[in-house]
Structures are given as structure tokens and as C-alpha cells.
Amino acid sequence: MAKSPKSLLLEQLRAQADAVAAKRVQQFKLSREVVDRLDQRMHHVSQYFRR
């Protein structure tokens, strides 16, 4: 038995929502890594100038 068009559309929308959510998580992780690296470098710079 074939699925109804509404059911297909709902499945497609769920798949798109899942993909968007996964991309947001990935972007957040990348952003967090950049912030962490920057924080570490700033710490090293401040340590350098304290010497």
C-alpha cells in the first residue's frame, strides 16, 4: 500500500529538520573549538607579557 502524500511530506520535513538540527550542533561545536583556541592563545600571550 502506498503512503499518502501527507505522510511523505511529513517524513521529508522530519528529515530536513533532523539535518538542520545536526548542522546546528556541528556549527556550535566548531564555534566552541574556535573560542577555546582563542582563549588558550590569549592566555599564552598574557603569560608572555607577565614575564
C-alpha atoms as a PDB file:
ATOM      1  CA  MET A   1       0.000   0.000   0.000  1.00  0.00           C
ATOM      2  CA  ALA A   2       1.429   3.403  -0.983  1.00  0.00           C
ATOM      3  CA  LYS A   3       1.873   6.119   1.566  1.00  0.00           C
ATOM      4  CA  SER A   4      -0.318   9.174   1.381  1.00  0.00           C
ATOM      5  CA  PRO A   5       1.190  12.420   0.095  1.00  0.00           C
ATOM      6  CA  LYS A   6       0.738  13.957   3.545  1.00  0.00           C
ATOM      7  CA  SER A   7       2.710  11.130   5.101  1.00  0.00           C
ATOM      8  CA  LEU A   8       5.521  11.510   2.564  1.00  0.00           C
ATOM      9  CA  LEU A   9       5.649  15.256   3.102  1.00  0.00           C
ATOM     10  CA  LEU A  10       5.783  14.774   6.859  1.00  0.00           C
ATOM     11  CA  GLU A  11       8.677  12.318   6.520  1.00  0.00           C
ATOM     12  CA  GLN A  12      10.557  14.750   4.266  1.00  0.00           C
ATOM     13  CA  LEU A  13      10.023  17.615   6.694  1.00  0.00           C
ATOM     14  CA  ARG A  14      11.237  15.486   9.605  1.00  0.00           C
ATOM     15  CA  ALA A  15      14.345  14.513   7.657  1.00  0.00           C
ATOM     16  CA  GLN A  16      15.050  18.168   6.836  1.00  0.00           C
ATOM     17  CA  ALA A  17      14.524  19.176  10.465  1.00  0.00           C
ATOM     18  CA  ASP A  18      16.920  16.456  11.607  1.00  0.00           C
ATOM     19  CA  ALA A  19      19.515  17.606   9.074  1.00  0.00           C
ATOM     20  CA  VAL A  20      19.193  21.232  10.193  1.00  0.00           C
ATOM     21  CA  ALA A  21      19.490  20.229  13.845  1.00  0.00           C
ATOM     22  CA  ALA A  22      22.591  18.146  13.147  1.00  0.00           C
ATOM     23  CA  LYS A  23      24.182  21.010  11.218  1.00  0.00           C
ATOM     24  CA  ARG A  24      23.489  23.421  14.079  1.00  0.00           C
ATOM     25  CA  VAL A  25      25.153  21.070  16.545  1.00  0.00           C
ATOM     26  CA  GLN A  26      28.158  20.741  14.252  1.00  0.00           C
ATOM     27  CA  GLN A  27      28.436  24.514  13.830  1.00  0.00           C
ATOM     28  CA  PHE A  28      28.137  25.038  17.583  1.00  0.00           C
ATOM     29  CA  LYS A  29      30.958  22.560  18.202  1.00  0.00           C
ATOM     30  CA  LEU A  30      33.156  24.280  15.623  1.00  0.00           C
ATOM     31  CA  SER A  31      32.384  27.687  17.125  1.00  0.00           C
ATOM     32  CA  ARG A  32      33.179  26.392  20.586  1.00  0.00           C
ATOM     33  CA  GLU A  33      36.507  24.979  19.373  1.00  0.00           C
ATOM     34  CA  VAL A  34      37.431  28.343  17.864  1.00  0.00           C
ATOM     35  CA  VAL A  35      36.579  30.147  21.096  1.00  0.00           C
ATOM     36  CA  ASP A  36      38.586  27.631  23.128  1.00  0.00           C
ATOM     37  CA  ARG A  37      41.637  28.008  20.869  1.00  0.00           C
ATOM     38  CA  LEU A  38      41.403  31.786  21.003  1.00  0.00           C
ATOM     39  CA  ASP A  39      41.095  31.701  24.791  1.00  0.00           C
ATOM     40  CA  GLN A  40      44.147  29.468  25.047  1.00  0.00           C
ATOM     41  CA  ARG A  41      46.187  31.746  22.796  1.00  0.00           C
ATOM     42  CA  MET A  42      45.146  34.838  24.728  1.00  0.00           C
ATOM     43  CA  HIS A  43      46.203  33.100  27.933  1.00  0.00           C
ATOM     44  CA  HIS A  44      49.617  32.338  26.421  1.00  0.00           C
ATOM     45  CA  VAL A  45      50.015  35.949  25.323  1.00  0.00           C
ATOM     46  CA  SER A  46      49.149  37.235  28.774  1.00  0.00           C
ATOM     47  CA  GLN A  47      51.630  34.786  30.312  1.00  0.00           C
ATOM     48  CA  TYR A  48      54.310  36.012  27.906  1.00  0.00           C
ATOM     49  CA  PHE A  49      53.826  39.646  28.919  1.00  0.00           C
ATOM     50  CA  ARG A  50      53.859  38.821  32.641  1.00  0.00           C
ATOM     51  CA  ARG A  51      57.426  37.546  32.434  1.00  0.00           C
END
